[in-house]
Amino acid sequence: MKKLSSIFLLLFTLIFLLSCGKDKWDGYELYENDEYGFSIYYPEDWSYREGFGKDSEQITGSIVVFQSPSEGKMDLFRENVNIFLETLPDSVDNVDAYLQYSKSYLPTQLANMNIKEEGKQVINGVESRWIIFGYTSRLKDLASMGYIFYRDGMGFVINSTSMPEDFMKFRRTFEKISTSIHFK
């Protein structure tokens, strides 16, 4: 009986130690972009497209869009994380000014835009601001979480979007993706 208890204790300890060593990025892939100097993790079952909507006249435009897998024929909206650059006016010269600019500019572009939460966060040594907001696009109500960074006179945005009823289901994934950003 003592030998069986010892074996059980040894197995339990081994399983516990193996589970503690699990990499927090298991199930995620690393996306690296040398042109814009950043890397970010995204779920391995999500897809991505680069350069969608890039404007040839300006630097403004999507760098990459990550999309969740379709959940079937009834899935009317694929959750997504969009990373883009934004040309800013000269009056915006830091992340707090960028947040104020965004809060005044977004309602002119998004129907029924309303901010639900906002905050500050340092992500891998870089100051950011975030907002959670709702809006209407193409007759659909949507929920978004946007992280903004001020980088060399440009606005750098990580914006995650879902249907409002699915936002809490995806919020942790959106946060994990957004906070994995590393600038080079």
C-alpha atoms as a PDB file:
ATOM      1  CA  MET A   1       0.000   0.000   0.000  1.00  0.00           C
ATOM      2  CA  LYS A   2       2.859   2.366   0.840  1.00  0.00           C
ATOM      3  CA  LYS A   3       4.471   1.620  -2.534  1.00  0.00           C
ATOM      4  CA  LEU A   4       1.185   2.405  -4.365  1.00  0.00           C
ATOM      5  CA  SER A   5       0.857   5.704  -2.481  1.00  0.00           C
ATOM      6  CA  SER A   6       4.424   6.621  -3.421  1.00  0.00           C
ATOM      7  CA  ILE A   7       3.780   5.858  -7.094  1.00  0.00           C
ATOM      8  CA  PHE A   8       0.543   7.876  -7.047  1.00  0.00           C
ATOM      9  CA  LEU A   9       2.305  10.830  -5.390  1.00  0.00           C
ATOM     10  CA  LEU A  10       5.151  10.652  -7.928  1.00  0.00           C
ATOM     11  CA  LEU A  11       2.705  10.578 -10.886  1.00  0.00           C
ATOM     12  CA  PHE A  12       0.675  13.466  -9.450  1.00  0.00           C
ATOM     13  CA  THR A  13       3.835  15.549  -8.930  1.00  0.00           C
ATOM     14  CA  LEU A  14       5.061  14.796 -12.460  1.00  0.00           C
ATOM     15  CA  ILE A  15       1.706  15.774 -14.034  1.00  0.00           C
ATOM     16  CA  PHE A  16       1.586  18.939 -11.932  1.00  0.00           C
ATOM     17  CA  LEU A  17       5.107  19.971 -12.936  1.00  0.00           C
ATOM     18  CA  LEU A  18       4.443  19.310 -16.626  1.00  0.00           C
ATOM     19  CA  SER A  19       1.272  21.402 -16.576  1.00  0.00           C
ATOM     20  CA  CYS A  20       3.083  24.289 -14.854  1.00  0.00           C
ATOM     21  CA  GLY A  21       5.632  24.438 -17.656  1.00  0.00           C
ATOM     22  CA  LYS A  22       3.022  24.891 -20.388  1.00  0.00           C
ATOM     23  CA  ASP A  23       3.918  27.770 -22.713  1.00  0.00           C
ATOM     24  CA  LYS A  24       1.330  30.567 -22.557  1.00  0.00           C
ATOM     25  CA  TRP A  25       1.525  30.758 -26.361  1.00  0.00           C
ATOM     26  CA  ASP A  26       0.536  27.129 -26.967  1.00  0.00           C
ATOM     27  CA  GLY A  27      -2.223  27.243 -29.571  1.00  0.00           C
ATOM     28  CA  TYR A  28      -0.925  30.543 -30.987  1.00  0.00           C
ATOM     29  CA  GLU A  29       1.228  31.403 -33.993  1.00  0.00           C
ATOM     30  CA  LEU A  30       3.718  34.277 -34.173  1.00  0.00           C
ATOM     31  CA  TYR A  31       3.170  36.849 -36.929  1.00  0.00           C
ATOM     32  CA  GLU A  32       6.209  39.023 -37.688  1.00  0.00           C
ATOM     33  CA  ASN A  33       6.271  42.139 -39.838  1.00  0.00           C
ATOM     34  CA  ASP A  34       9.732  43.566 -40.532  1.00  0.00           C
ATOM     35  CA  GLU A  35       8.441  46.396 -42.724  1.00  0.00           C
ATOM     36  CA  TYR A  36       6.491  47.961 -39.828  1.00  0.00           C
ATOM     37  CA  GLY A  37       8.707  46.603 -37.044  1.00  0.00           C
ATOM     38  CA  PHE A  38       6.428  44.487 -34.882  1.00  0.00           C
ATOM     39  CA  SER A  39       5.429  40.941 -34.014  1.00  0.00           C
ATOM     40  CA  ILE A  40       2.196  39.663 -32.492  1.00  0.00           C
ATOM     41  CA  TYR A  41       0.650  36.316 -31.581  1.00  0.00           C
ATOM     42  CA  TYR A  42      -2.708  35.123 -32.956  1.00  0.00           C
ATOM     43  CA  PRO A  43      -4.703  31.884 -32.454  1.00  0.00           C
ATOM     44  CA  GLU A  44      -3.394  29.114 -34.695  1.00  0.00           C
ATOM     45  CA  ASP A  45      -6.858  28.340 -36.076  1.00  0.00           C
ATOM     46  CA  TRP A  46      -7.356  31.948 -37.247  1.00  0.00           C
ATOM     47  CA  SER A  47      -6.383  33.115 -40.736  1.00  0.00           C
ATOM     48  CA  TYR A  48      -4.768  36.390 -41.776  1.00  0.00           C
ATOM     49  CA  ARG A  49      -4.503  38.712 -44.774  1.00  0.00           C
ATOM     50  CA  GLU A  50      -1.877  41.387 -45.263  1.00  0.00           C
ATOM     51  CA  GLY A  51      -2.147  44.805 -46.886  1.00  0.00           C
ATOM     52  CA  PHE A  52      -5.943  44.879 -47.045  1.00  0.00           C
ATOM     53  CA  GLY A  53      -7.097  48.439 -47.727  1.00  0.00           C
ATOM     54  CA  LYS A  54      -3.600  49.916 -47.923  1.00  0.00           C
ATOM     55  CA  ASP A  55      -3.631  53.382 -49.465  1.00  0.00           C
ATOM     56  CA  SER A  56      -0.837  53.940 -51.981  1.00  0.00           C
ATOM     57  CA  GLU A  57      -0.927  57.719 -51.433  1.00  0.00           C
ATOM     58  CA  GLN A  58      -0.454  57.570 -47.656  1.00  0.00           C
ATOM     59  CA  ILE A  59       0.950  55.160 -45.115  1.00  0.00           C
ATOM     60  CA  THR A  60      -2.561  54.834 -43.646  1.00  0.00           C
ATOM     61  CA  GLY A  61      -4.166  51.423 -44.102  1.00  0.00           C
ATOM     62  CA  SER A  62      -4.436  47.916 -42.743  1.00  0.00           C
ATOM     63  CA  ILE A  63      -1.187  46.101 -42.250  1.00  0.00           C
ATOM     64  CA  VAL A  64      -2.795  42.785 -41.367  1.00  0.00           C
ATOM     65  CA  VAL A  65      -6.251  41.439 -40.489  1.00  0.00           C
ATOM     66  CA  PHE A  66      -6.648  38.251 -38.421  1.00  0.00           C
ATOM     67  CA  GLN A  67     -10.007  36.429 -38.659  1.00  0.00           C
ATOM     68  CA  SER A  68     -11.571  33.750 -36.505  1.00  0.00           C
ATOM     69  CA  PRO A  69     -12.634  30.533 -38.208  1.00  0.00           C
ATOM     70  CA  SER A  70     -16.214  30.308 -39.455  1.00  0.00           C
ATOM     71  CA  GLU A  71     -18.505  28.610 -36.961  1.00  0.00           C
ATOM     72  CA  GLY A  72     -20.800  27.313 -39.718  1.00  0.00           C
ATOM     73  CA  LYS A  73     -23.495  28.556 -42.075  1.00  0.00           C
ATOM     74  CA  MET A  74     -25.212  30.526 -39.320  1.00  0.00           C
ATOM     75  CA  ASP A  75     -22.033  32.451 -38.480  1.00  0.00           C
ATOM     76  CA  LEU A  76     -22.904  35.880 -39.902  1.00  0.00           C
ATOM     77  CA  PHE A  77     -19.768  37.658 -38.691  1.00  0.00           C
ATOM     78  CA  ARG A  78     -16.207  36.426 -38.282  1.00  0.00           C
ATOM     79  CA  GLU A  79     -14.482  38.053 -35.332  1.00  0.00           C
ATOM     80  CA  ASN A  80     -11.365  39.900 -36.372  1.00  0.00           C
ATOM     81  CA  VAL A  81      -8.314  41.783 -35.189  1.00  0.00           C
ATOM     82  CA  ASN A  82      -7.184  44.521 -37.546  1.00  0.00           C
ATOM     83  CA  ILE A  83      -3.791  46.210 -37.228  1.00  0.00           C
ATOM     84  CA  PHE A  84      -3.402  49.477 -39.071  1.00  0.00           C
ATOM     85  CA  LEU A  85      -1.507  52.747 -39.233  1.00  0.00           C
ATOM     86  CA  GLU A  86      -3.166  56.118 -39.193  1.00  0.00           C
ATOM     87  CA  THR A  87      -1.797  59.454 -40.375  1.00  0.00           C
ATOM     88  CA  LEU A  88      -2.273  61.963 -37.549  1.00  0.00           C
ATOM     89  CA  PRO A  89      -2.542  65.751 -37.568  1.00  0.00           C
ATOM     90  CA  ASP A  90       0.512  67.662 -36.287  1.00  0.00           C
ATOM     91  CA  SER A  91      -1.401  68.611 -33.120  1.00  0.00           C
ATOM     92  CA  VAL A  92      -1.361  64.951 -32.002  1.00  0.00           C
ATOM     93  CA  ASP A  93       2.087  64.351 -30.514  1.00  0.00           C
ATOM     94  CA  ASN A  94       1.595  61.693 -27.817  1.00  0.00           C
ATOM     95  CA  VAL A  95      -0.633  58.748 -26.906  1.00  0.00           C
ATOM     96  CA  ASP A  96      -2.997  60.802 -24.692  1.00  0.00           C
ATOM     97  CA  ALA A  97      -3.537  63.382 -27.454  1.00  0.00           C
ATOM     98  CA  TYR A  98      -4.115  60.480 -29.840  1.00  0.00           C
ATOM     99  CA  LEU A  99      -6.797  59.043 -27.546  1.00  0.00           C
ATOM    100  CA  GLN A 100      -8.589  62.412 -27.389  1.00  0.00           C
ATOM    101  CA  TYR A 101      -8.322  62.785 -31.161  1.00  0.00           C
ATOM    102  CA  SER A 102      -9.751  59.262 -31.664  1.00  0.00           C
ATOM    103  CA  LYS A 103     -12.627  59.876 -29.267  1.00  0.00           C
ATOM    104  CA  SER A 104     -13.640  62.995 -31.192  1.00  0.00           C
ATOM    105  CA  TYR A 105     -12.968  61.607 -34.701  1.00  0.00           C
ATOM    106  CA  LEU A 106     -14.508  58.109 -34.464  1.00  0.00           C
ATOM    107  CA  PRO A 107     -18.113  59.309 -33.918  1.00  0.00           C
ATOM    108  CA  THR A 108     -17.891  61.219 -37.215  1.00  0.00           C
ATOM    109  CA  GLN A 109     -17.026  57.964 -39.018  1.00  0.00           C
ATOM    110  CA  LEU A 110     -19.036  55.324 -37.131  1.00  0.00           C
ATOM    111  CA  ALA A 111     -22.819  55.436 -36.773  1.00  0.00           C
ATOM    112  CA  ASN A 112     -24.152  55.250 -33.206  1.00  0.00           C
ATOM    113  CA  MET A 113     -20.619  55.080 -31.788  1.00  0.00           C
ATOM    114  CA  ASN A 114     -20.554  54.973 -27.993  1.00  0.00           C
ATOM    115  CA  ILE A 115     -17.630  54.363 -25.646  1.00  0.00           C
ATOM    116  CA  LYS A 116     -18.293  51.789 -22.937  1.00  0.00           C
ATOM    117  CA  GLU A 117     -14.878  51.518 -21.223  1.00  0.00           C
ATOM    118  CA  GLU A 118     -11.402  52.995 -21.549  1.00  0.00           C
ATOM    119  CA  GLY A 119      -8.044  52.615 -19.883  1.00  0.00           C
ATOM    120  CA  LYS A 120      -4.258  52.833 -19.950  1.00  0.00           C
ATOM    121  CA  GLN A 121      -1.807  49.977 -20.283  1.00  0.00           C
ATOM    122  CA  VAL A 122       1.926  49.588 -20.811  1.00  0.00           C
ATOM    123  CA  ILE A 123       2.443  46.691 -23.215  1.00  0.00           C
ATOM    124  CA  ASN A 124       5.946  45.260 -23.405  1.00  0.00           C
ATOM    125  CA  GLY A 125       7.394  48.622 -22.371  1.00  0.00           C
ATOM    126  CA  VAL A 126       5.249  50.782 -24.703  1.00  0.00           C
ATOM    127  CA  GLU A 127       2.451  53.080 -23.496  1.00  0.00           C
ATOM    128  CA  SER A 128      -0.976  52.411 -24.962  1.00  0.00           C
ATOM    129  CA  ARG A 129      -4.557  53.465 -24.409  1.00  0.00           C
ATOM    130  CA  TRP A 130      -7.580  51.276 -25.027  1.00  0.00           C
ATOM    131  CA  ILE A 131     -11.274  51.805 -25.533  1.00  0.00           C
ATOM    132  CA  ILE A 132     -14.218  49.466 -25.832  1.00  0.00           C
ATOM    133  CA  PHE A 133     -17.003  50.859 -27.966  1.00  0.00           C
ATOM    134  CA  GLY A 134     -20.103  49.928 -29.896  1.00  0.00           C
ATOM    135  CA  TYR A 135     -21.246  51.176 -33.292  1.00  0.00           C
ATOM    136  CA  THR A 136     -23.414  50.303 -36.282  1.00  0.00           C
ATOM    137  CA  SER A 137     -21.962  49.263 -39.656  1.00  0.00           C
ATOM    138  CA  ARG A 138     -23.993  48.084 -42.643  1.00  0.00           C
ATOM    139  CA  LEU A 139     -27.076  47.820 -40.416  1.00  0.00           C
ATOM    140  CA  LYS A 140     -25.242  45.529 -37.946  1.00  0.00           C
ATOM    141  CA  ASP A 141     -24.447  46.487 -34.386  1.00  0.00           C
ATOM    142  CA  LEU A 142     -20.821  45.704 -33.585  1.00  0.00           C
ATOM    143  CA  ALA A 143     -18.568  45.792 -30.520  1.00  0.00           C
ATOM    144  CA  SER A 144     -14.901  46.742 -30.701  1.00  0.00           C
ATOM    145  CA  MET A 145     -11.866  46.964 -28.478  1.00  0.00           C
ATOM    146  CA  GLY A 146      -9.114  49.221 -29.754  1.00  0.00           C
ATOM    147  CA  TYR A 147      -5.566  49.568 -28.432  1.00  0.00           C
ATOM    148  CA  ILE A 148      -3.754  52.664 -29.698  1.00  0.00           C
ATOM    149  CA  PHE A 149      -0.074  53.548 -29.723  1.00  0.00           C
ATOM    150  CA  TYR A 150       1.713  56.731 -30.789  1.00  0.00           C
ATOM    151  CA  ARG A 151       4.775  55.767 -32.858  1.00  0.00           C
ATOM    152  CA  ASP A 152       7.014  58.256 -34.648  1.00  0.00           C
ATOM    153  CA  GLY A 153       4.191  60.681 -35.498  1.00  0.00           C
ATOM    154  CA  MET A 154       1.826  57.905 -36.621  1.00  0.00           C
ATOM    155  CA  GLY A 155      -1.105  56.237 -34.940  1.00  0.00           C
ATOM    156  CA  PHE A 156      -0.692  52.473 -34.570  1.00  0.00           C
ATOM    157  CA  VAL A 157      -3.976  50.664 -33.847  1.00  0.00           C
ATOM    158  CA  ILE A 158      -4.953  47.123 -32.900  1.00  0.00           C
ATOM    159  CA  ASN A 159      -8.731  46.967 -33.273  1.00  0.00           C
ATOM    160  CA  SER A 160     -10.741  43.824 -32.433  1.00  0.00           C
ATOM    161  CA  THR A 161     -14.371  43.455 -33.502  1.00  0.00           C
ATOM    162  CA  SER A 162     -17.244  41.062 -32.862  1.00  0.00           C
ATOM    163  CA  MET A 163     -21.019  41.056 -32.672  1.00  0.00           C
ATOM    164  CA  PRO A 164     -22.079  42.582 -29.310  1.00  0.00           C
ATOM    165  CA  GLU A 165     -23.575  39.298 -28.085  1.00  0.00           C
ATOM    166  CA  ASP A 166     -20.243  37.528 -28.715  1.00  0.00           C
ATOM    167  CA  PHE A 167     -17.916  40.194 -27.314  1.00  0.00           C
ATOM    168  CA  MET A 168     -17.491  38.668 -23.845  1.00  0.00           C
ATOM    169  CA  LYS A 169     -16.809  35.261 -25.422  1.00  0.00           C
ATOM    170  CA  PHE A 170     -13.899  36.766 -27.413  1.00  0.00           C
ATOM    171  CA  ARG A 171     -12.717  39.562 -25.114  1.00  0.00           C
ATOM    172  CA  ARG A 172      -9.956  37.506 -23.480  1.00  0.00           C
ATOM    173  CA  THR A 173      -8.685  36.366 -26.903  1.00  0.00           C
ATOM    174  CA  PHE A 174      -8.747  39.964 -28.165  1.00  0.00           C
ATOM    175  CA  GLU A 175      -6.785  41.108 -25.105  1.00  0.00           C
ATOM    176  CA  LYS A 176      -4.269  38.259 -25.380  1.00  0.00           C
ATOM    177  CA  ILE A 177      -3.593  39.030 -29.056  1.00  0.00           C
ATOM    178  CA  SER A 178      -3.352  42.794 -28.498  1.00  0.00           C
ATOM    179  CA  THR A 179      -1.098  42.613 -25.470  1.00  0.00           C
ATOM    180  CA  SER A 180       1.321  40.236 -27.209  1.00  0.00           C
ATOM    181  CA  ILE A 181       2.560  43.035 -29.505  1.00  0.00           C
ATOM    182  CA  HIS A 182       6.318  43.633 -29.542  1.00  0.00           C
ATOM    183  CA  PHE A 183       7.779  46.595 -31.367  1.00  0.00           C
ATOM    184  CA  LYS A 184      11.310  46.288 -32.761  1.00  0.00           C
END
